[in-house]
Amino acid sequence: MAEVPGGEGGGGGGRHQKKRAKKGSTRIDMTPMVDLAFLLLTFFILTTTMYKPSTLQLTYPVPPDEQMPQPPKKVNNAITLFLTKKDQILYYKDAFKPGETQLTRTDFKDIRKTLVELNRASVDRINQLTREFNEGKINEVVFDSLKNMSQKQEDALYVIIKPDPDARFRNVIDIVDEMDICGVGKFAVQDVIKPEEMALVDIEKSKF
């Protein structure tokens, strides 16, 4: 009978014994990456433009002499509207003067007449432009431009709209529509009512 040769050390594997694979080294050489980082850093430093602080020269107007009386601010053709409950409108003209200003009550049916009367100069100019447009003397682009200019002139009406907490959102939409119908180009909607104005509004609202 043939004999089976025994492996060294009694392993029994002989020539057919499997050899274990050697583990590779996991060490990464970082030297080239460090060199690259320094090269990039040197490149950006040499090619970057350094920020130079700049100054801006400002010229301020000459302050007024405190000893000289200042002329009072003139409000030219203005009206302040207070939108309140029950679709009512309270208003006063020109500037508010404590102790002197009185509120007038109206509604959305009559406010248009008041606005047209106060904005008569602008309305007349717009009507003239409308006639010229209908006669073909000016085109639509010129008409819109001249209309906008006429609404912004000094004698045009300026409207300040102030809805109080009792006003409806619909009231604000309606009054803004009235601005376009009455040819009012200068108006502003404000959500703040001065305490002295609110005191007059509350007095008038108690009469509703």
C-alpha atoms as a PDB file:
ATOM      1  CA  MET A   1       0.000   0.000   0.000  1.00  0.00           C
ATOM      2  CA  ALA A   2       1.133   3.523  -0.752  1.00  0.00           C
ATOM      3  CA  GLU A   3       1.936   5.770   2.116  1.00  0.00           C
ATOM      4  CA  VAL A   4       0.592   9.291   2.475  1.00  0.00           C
ATOM      5  CA  PRO A   5       3.412  11.589   3.315  1.00  0.00           C
ATOM      6  CA  GLY A   6       2.855  13.573   6.417  1.00  0.00           C
ATOM      7  CA  GLY A   7       3.309  17.333   6.460  1.00  0.00           C
ATOM      8  CA  GLU A   8       5.806  19.113   8.553  1.00  0.00           C
ATOM      9  CA  GLY A   9       4.605  19.722  12.045  1.00  0.00           C
ATOM     10  CA  GLY A  10       1.780  17.243  11.624  1.00  0.00           C
ATOM     11  CA  GLY A  11      -0.367  19.622   9.652  1.00  0.00           C
ATOM     12  CA  GLY A  12      -1.373  17.022   7.161  1.00  0.00           C
ATOM     13  CA  GLY A  13      -1.519  19.528   4.294  1.00  0.00           C
ATOM     14  CA  GLY A  14       1.609  18.657   2.397  1.00  0.00           C
ATOM     15  CA  ARG A  15       1.937  20.330  -0.977  1.00  0.00           C
ATOM     16  CA  HIS A  16      -1.754  20.995  -1.054  1.00  0.00           C
ATOM     17  CA  GLN A  17      -1.720  23.210   2.077  1.00  0.00           C
ATOM     18  CA  LYS A  18      -3.144  26.723   1.376  1.00  0.00           C
ATOM     19  CA  LYS A  19      -0.956  29.667   2.089  1.00  0.00           C
ATOM     20  CA  ARG A  20      -2.381  32.708   3.851  1.00  0.00           C
ATOM     21  CA  ALA A  21      -2.330  36.000   1.883  1.00  0.00           C
ATOM     22  CA  LYS A  22      -0.195  38.711   3.339  1.00  0.00           C
ATOM     23  CA  LYS A  23      -2.062  41.827   4.438  1.00  0.00           C
ATOM     24  CA  GLY A  24      -1.091  44.983   2.574  1.00  0.00           C
ATOM     25  CA  SER A  25      -0.039  48.119   4.365  1.00  0.00           C
ATOM     26  CA  THR A  26      -2.819  50.737   4.865  1.00  0.00           C
ATOM     27  CA  ARG A  27      -0.466  53.633   5.437  1.00  0.00           C
ATOM     28  CA  ILE A  28      -1.031  56.561   3.035  1.00  0.00           C
ATOM     29  CA  ASP A  29       1.807  58.887   2.245  1.00  0.00           C
ATOM     30  CA  MET A  30       0.443  62.448   2.732  1.00  0.00           C
ATOM     31  CA  THR A  31       3.598  64.204   1.612  1.00  0.00           C
ATOM     32  CA  PRO A  32       2.420  64.897  -1.978  1.00  0.00           C
ATOM     33  CA  MET A  33      -0.930  66.247  -0.734  1.00  0.00           C
ATOM     34  CA  VAL A  34       0.801  68.638   1.681  1.00  0.00           C
ATOM     35  CA  ASP A  35       3.023  69.859  -1.140  1.00  0.00           C
ATOM     36  CA  LEU A  36      -0.043  70.419  -3.340  1.00  0.00           C
ATOM     37  CA  ALA A  37      -1.835  72.356  -0.594  1.00  0.00           C
ATOM     38  CA  PHE A  38       1.129  74.685  -0.151  1.00  0.00           C
ATOM     39  CA  LEU A  39       1.367  75.209  -3.902  1.00  0.00           C
ATOM     40  CA  LEU A  40      -2.331  76.132  -4.138  1.00  0.00           C
ATOM     41  CA  LEU A  41      -2.066  78.420  -1.126  1.00  0.00           C
ATOM     42  CA  THR A  42       0.938  80.182  -2.633  1.00  0.00           C
ATOM     43  CA  PHE A  43      -0.898  80.527  -5.965  1.00  0.00           C
ATOM     44  CA  PHE A  44      -3.995  82.147  -4.449  1.00  0.00           C
ATOM     45  CA  ILE A  45      -1.942  84.498  -2.284  1.00  0.00           C
ATOM     46  CA  LEU A  46       0.072  85.728  -5.265  1.00  0.00           C
ATOM     47  CA  THR A  47      -2.889  86.097  -7.634  1.00  0.00           C
ATOM     48  CA  THR A  48      -5.492  87.579  -5.261  1.00  0.00           C
ATOM     49  CA  THR A  49      -6.018  91.349  -5.282  1.00  0.00           C
ATOM     50  CA  MET A  50      -5.946  92.680  -1.775  1.00  0.00           C
ATOM     51  CA  TYR A  51      -8.903  94.836  -0.696  1.00  0.00           C
ATOM     52  CA  LYS A  52      -8.128  98.512  -0.499  1.00  0.00           C
ATOM     53  CA  PRO A  53     -10.447 100.560   1.723  1.00  0.00           C
ATOM     54  CA  SER A  54     -12.071 103.441  -0.108  1.00  0.00           C
ATOM     55  CA  THR A  55     -13.812 106.543   1.161  1.00  0.00           C
ATOM     56  CA  LEU A  56     -16.931 108.282  -0.080  1.00  0.00           C
ATOM     57  CA  GLN A  57     -17.108 112.019   0.164  1.00  0.00           C
ATOM     58  CA  LEU A  58     -20.486 113.299   1.345  1.00  0.00           C
ATOM     59  CA  THR A  59     -21.659 116.881   1.156  1.00  0.00           C
ATOM     60  CA  TYR A  60     -24.280 117.789   3.734  1.00  0.00           C
ATOM     61  CA  PRO A  61     -26.592 120.786   3.395  1.00  0.00           C
ATOM     62  CA  VAL A  62     -25.957 123.768   5.565  1.00  0.00           C
ATOM     63  CA  PRO A  63     -28.013 123.404   8.775  1.00  0.00           C
ATOM     64  CA  PRO A  64     -30.648 126.106   9.190  1.00  0.00           C
ATOM     65  CA  ASP A  65     -30.071 128.879  11.646  1.00  0.00           C
ATOM     66  CA  GLU A  66     -31.984 128.049  14.825  1.00  0.00           C
ATOM     67  CA  GLN A  67     -32.550 131.723  15.496  1.00  0.00           C
ATOM     68  CA  MET A  68     -34.418 132.228  12.239  1.00  0.00           C
ATOM     69  CA  PRO A  69     -38.137 131.324  12.424  1.00  0.00           C
ATOM     70  CA  GLN A  70     -38.980 128.303  10.330  1.00  0.00           C
ATOM     71  CA  PRO A  71     -41.951 128.634   7.969  1.00  0.00           C
ATOM     72  CA  PRO A  72     -44.846 126.332   8.872  1.00  0.00           C
ATOM     73  CA  LYS A  73     -45.307 123.279   6.723  1.00  0.00           C
ATOM     74  CA  LYS A  74     -48.058 123.882   4.214  1.00  0.00           C
ATOM     75  CA  VAL A  75     -50.420 121.098   3.293  1.00  0.00           C
ATOM     76  CA  ASN A  76     -51.601 121.656  -0.250  1.00  0.00           C
ATOM     77  CA  ASN A  77     -55.081 120.342  -1.077  1.00  0.00           C
ATOM     78  CA  ALA A  78     -55.167 117.295   1.196  1.00  0.00           C
ATOM     79  CA  ILE A  79     -57.963 115.315   2.789  1.00  0.00           C
ATOM     80  CA  THR A  80     -57.832 112.586   5.438  1.00  0.00           C
ATOM     81  CA  LEU A  81     -60.496 109.879   5.360  1.00  0.00           C
ATOM     82  CA  PHE A  82     -61.364 107.658   8.325  1.00  0.00           C
ATOM     83  CA  LEU A  83     -63.192 104.474   7.337  1.00  0.00           C
ATOM     84  CA  THR A  84     -65.312 103.213  10.213  1.00  0.00           C
ATOM     85  CA  LYS A  85     -68.331 101.089  11.121  1.00  0.00           C
ATOM     86  CA  LYS A  86     -71.612 100.913   9.200  1.00  0.00           C
ATOM     87  CA  ASP A  87     -69.780 101.857   5.963  1.00  0.00           C
ATOM     88  CA  GLN A  88     -69.405 105.418   7.182  1.00  0.00           C
ATOM     89  CA  ILE A  89     -66.576 107.838   6.384  1.00  0.00           C
ATOM     90  CA  LEU A  90     -65.307 110.678   8.543  1.00  0.00           C
ATOM     91  CA  TYR A  91     -62.925 113.233   7.070  1.00  0.00           C
ATOM     92  CA  TYR A  92     -61.167 116.550   7.529  1.00  0.00           C
ATOM     93  CA  LYS A  93     -59.350 118.764   5.041  1.00  0.00           C
ATOM     94  CA  ASP A  94     -55.757 120.010   5.067  1.00  0.00           C
ATOM     95  CA  ALA A  95     -53.615 119.611   8.196  1.00  0.00           C
ATOM     96  CA  PHE A  96     -54.890 118.421  11.563  1.00  0.00           C
ATOM     97  CA  LYS A  97     -55.067 121.219  14.141  1.00  0.00           C
ATOM     98  CA  PRO A  98     -55.763 120.105  17.729  1.00  0.00           C
ATOM     99  CA  GLY A  99     -58.743 121.951  19.178  1.00  0.00           C
ATOM    100  CA  GLU A 100     -59.769 123.322  15.778  1.00  0.00           C
ATOM    101  CA  THR A 101     -60.210 120.404  13.381  1.00  0.00           C
ATOM    102  CA  GLN A 102     -63.743 119.026  13.079  1.00  0.00           C
ATOM    103  CA  LEU A 103     -64.756 115.821  11.321  1.00  0.00           C
ATOM    104  CA  THR A 104     -67.397 115.669   8.606  1.00  0.00           C
ATOM    105  CA  ARG A 105     -69.490 112.538   8.185  1.00  0.00           C
ATOM    106  CA  THR A 106     -70.340 111.021   4.799  1.00  0.00           C
ATOM    107  CA  ASP A 107     -70.675 107.627   3.128  1.00  0.00           C
ATOM    108  CA  PHE A 108     -69.570 105.850  -0.024  1.00  0.00           C
ATOM    109  CA  LYS A 109     -72.472 107.319  -2.004  1.00  0.00           C
ATOM    110  CA  ASP A 110     -71.466 110.941  -1.441  1.00  0.00           C
ATOM    111  CA  ILE A 111     -67.683 110.720  -1.048  1.00  0.00           C
ATOM    112  CA  ARG A 112     -67.157 110.675  -4.814  1.00  0.00           C
ATOM    113  CA  LYS A 113     -68.727 114.108  -5.187  1.00  0.00           C
ATOM    114  CA  THR A 114     -66.465 115.504  -2.461  1.00  0.00           C
ATOM    115  CA  LEU A 115     -63.335 114.008  -4.009  1.00  0.00           C
ATOM    116  CA  VAL A 116     -64.171 115.311  -7.494  1.00  0.00           C
ATOM    117  CA  GLU A 117     -64.782 118.826  -6.181  1.00  0.00           C
ATOM    118  CA  LEU A 118     -61.475 118.910  -4.305  1.00  0.00           C
ATOM    119  CA  ASN A 119     -59.631 117.380  -7.263  1.00  0.00           C
ATOM    120  CA  ARG A 120     -61.278 119.597  -9.876  1.00  0.00           C
ATOM    121  CA  ALA A 121     -58.050 120.837 -11.495  1.00  0.00           C
ATOM    122  CA  SER A 122     -56.758 117.324 -12.066  1.00  0.00           C
ATOM    123  CA  VAL A 123     -60.154 116.053 -13.249  1.00  0.00           C
ATOM    124  CA  ASP A 124     -60.387 118.853 -15.836  1.00  0.00           C
ATOM    125  CA  ARG A 125     -56.945 118.008 -17.194  1.00  0.00           C
ATOM    126  CA  ILE A 126     -57.828 114.313 -17.426  1.00  0.00           C
ATOM    127  CA  ASN A 127     -61.094 115.108 -19.215  1.00  0.00           C
ATOM    128  CA  GLN A 128     -59.193 117.215 -21.764  1.00  0.00           C
ATOM    129  CA  LEU A 129     -56.715 114.399 -22.334  1.00  0.00           C
ATOM    130  CA  THR A 130     -59.604 111.953 -22.747  1.00  0.00           C
ATOM    131  CA  ARG A 131     -61.134 114.133 -25.480  1.00  0.00           C
ATOM    132  CA  GLU A 132     -57.811 114.341 -27.304  1.00  0.00           C
ATOM    133  CA  PHE A 133     -57.413 110.576 -27.058  1.00  0.00           C
ATOM    134  CA  ASN A 134     -60.925 109.937 -28.389  1.00  0.00           C
ATOM    135  CA  GLU A 135     -60.261 112.318 -31.292  1.00  0.00           C
ATOM    136  CA  GLY A 136     -57.075 110.450 -32.161  1.00  0.00           C
ATOM    137  CA  LYS A 137     -54.739 113.355 -31.396  1.00  0.00           C
ATOM    138  CA  ILE A 138     -52.725 111.302 -28.921  1.00  0.00           C
ATOM    139  CA  ASN A 139     -52.176 107.567 -28.598  1.00  0.00           C
ATOM    140  CA  GLU A 140     -52.747 105.421 -25.522  1.00  0.00           C
ATOM    141  CA  VAL A 141     -49.120 105.562 -24.367  1.00  0.00           C
ATOM    142  CA  VAL A 142     -49.054 109.368 -24.445  1.00  0.00           C
ATOM    143  CA  PHE A 143     -52.461 109.528 -22.773  1.00  0.00           C
ATOM    144  CA  ASP A 144     -51.370 107.315 -19.864  1.00  0.00           C
ATOM    145  CA  SER A 145     -48.148 109.264 -19.405  1.00  0.00           C
ATOM    146  CA  LEU A 146     -49.833 112.690 -19.423  1.00  0.00           C
ATOM    147  CA  LYS A 147     -52.616 111.436 -17.162  1.00  0.00           C
ATOM    148  CA  ASN A 148     -50.108 110.198 -14.620  1.00  0.00           C
ATOM    149  CA  MET A 149     -48.262 113.532 -14.728  1.00  0.00           C
ATOM    150  CA  SER A 150     -51.467 115.530 -14.260  1.00  0.00           C
ATOM    151  CA  GLN A 151     -52.423 113.447 -11.212  1.00  0.00           C
ATOM    152  CA  LYS A 152     -49.059 114.151  -9.571  1.00  0.00           C
ATOM    153  CA  GLN A 153     -48.993 117.923 -10.007  1.00  0.00           C
ATOM    154  CA  GLU A 154     -48.850 120.220  -7.015  1.00  0.00           C
ATOM    155  CA  ASP A 155     -52.490 121.295  -7.180  1.00  0.00           C
ATOM    156  CA  ALA A 156     -53.738 117.683  -7.410  1.00  0.00           C
ATOM    157  CA  LEU A 157     -55.600 116.257  -4.434  1.00  0.00           C
ATOM    158  CA  TYR A 158     -53.673 114.174  -1.900  1.00  0.00           C
ATOM    159  CA  VAL A 159     -55.789 111.651   0.028  1.00  0.00           C
ATOM    160  CA  ILE A 160     -54.798 109.880   3.263  1.00  0.00           C
ATOM    161  CA  ILE A 161     -56.931 106.813   4.004  1.00  0.00           C
ATOM    162  CA  LYS A 162     -57.067 105.558   7.600  1.00  0.00           C
ATOM    163  CA  PRO A 163     -59.374 102.610   8.354  1.00  0.00           C
ATOM    164  CA  ASP A 164     -60.185 102.145  12.039  1.00  0.00           C
ATOM    165  CA  PRO A 165     -60.683  98.721  13.725  1.00  0.00           C
ATOM    166  CA  ASP A 166     -64.424  98.792  12.960  1.00  0.00           C
ATOM    167  CA  ALA A 167     -63.954  99.228   9.197  1.00  0.00           C
ATOM    168  CA  ARG A 168     -64.424  96.298   6.848  1.00  0.00           C
ATOM    169  CA  PHE A 169     -61.785  95.159   4.389  1.00  0.00           C
ATOM    170  CA  ARG A 170     -64.324  95.755   1.637  1.00  0.00           C
ATOM    171  CA  ASN A 171     -64.378  99.451   2.586  1.00  0.00           C
ATOM    172  CA  VAL A 172     -60.679  99.778   1.821  1.00  0.00           C
ATOM    173  CA  ILE A 173     -61.122  98.160  -1.601  1.00  0.00           C
ATOM    174  CA  ASP A 174     -64.065 100.432  -2.420  1.00  0.00           C
ATOM    175  CA  ILE A 175     -62.261 103.632  -1.424  1.00  0.00           C
ATOM    176  CA  VAL A 176     -59.189 102.696  -3.476  1.00  0.00           C
ATOM    177  CA  ASP A 177     -61.491 102.170  -6.462  1.00  0.00           C
ATOM    178  CA  GLU A 178     -62.882 105.656  -5.867  1.00  0.00           C
ATOM    179  CA  MET A 179     -59.351 107.062  -6.149  1.00  0.00           C
ATOM    180  CA  ASP A 180     -59.125 105.834  -9.740  1.00  0.00           C
ATOM    181  CA  ILE A 181     -62.644 106.955 -10.604  1.00  0.00           C
ATOM    182  CA  CYS A 182     -62.040 110.454  -9.228  1.00  0.00           C
ATOM    183  CA  GLY A 183     -58.639 110.843 -10.886  1.00  0.00           C
ATOM    184  CA  VAL A 184     -56.714 110.855  -7.606  1.00  0.00           C
ATOM    185  CA  GLY A 185     -53.118 109.823  -8.216  1.00  0.00           C
ATOM    186  CA  LYS A 186     -51.676 110.799  -4.854  1.00  0.00           C
ATOM    187  CA  PHE A 187     -53.069 108.731  -1.999  1.00  0.00           C
ATOM    188  CA  ALA A 188     -51.807 106.541   0.826  1.00  0.00           C
ATOM    189  CA  VAL A 189     -53.412 103.919   3.075  1.00  0.00           C
ATOM    190  CA  GLN A 190     -52.230 104.080   6.683  1.00  0.00           C
ATOM    191  CA  ASP A 191     -53.117 101.693   9.505  1.00  0.00           C
ATOM    192  CA  VAL A 192     -52.091 104.062  12.310  1.00  0.00           C
ATOM    193  CA  ILE A 193     -54.429 106.722  13.648  1.00  0.00           C
ATOM    194  CA  LYS A 194     -53.024 109.377  15.964  1.00  0.00           C
ATOM    195  CA  PRO A 195     -54.542 109.472  19.464  1.00  0.00           C
ATOM    196  CA  GLU A 196     -55.910 112.986  18.978  1.00  0.00           C
ATOM    197  CA  GLU A 197     -57.520 111.929  15.704  1.00  0.00           C
ATOM    198  CA  MET A 198     -58.943 108.758  17.246  1.00  0.00           C
ATOM    199  CA  ALA A 199     -60.527 110.817  20.023  1.00  0.00           C
ATOM    200  CA  LEU A 200     -62.512 112.815  17.439  1.00  0.00           C
ATOM    201  CA  VAL A 201     -63.434 109.645  15.560  1.00  0.00           C
ATOM    202  CA  ASP A 202     -64.784 108.020  18.737  1.00  0.00           C
ATOM    203  CA  ILE A 203     -66.891 111.092  19.481  1.00  0.00           C
ATOM    204  CA  GLU A 204     -68.484 111.002  16.033  1.00  0.00           C
ATOM    205  CA  LYS A 205     -68.970 107.222  16.152  1.00  0.00           C
ATOM    206  CA  SER A 206     -70.955 107.585  19.365  1.00  0.00           C
ATOM    207  CA  LYS A 207     -73.522 109.556  17.337  1.00  0.00           C
ATOM    208  CA  PHE A 208     -74.185 106.763  14.823  1.00  0.00           C
END
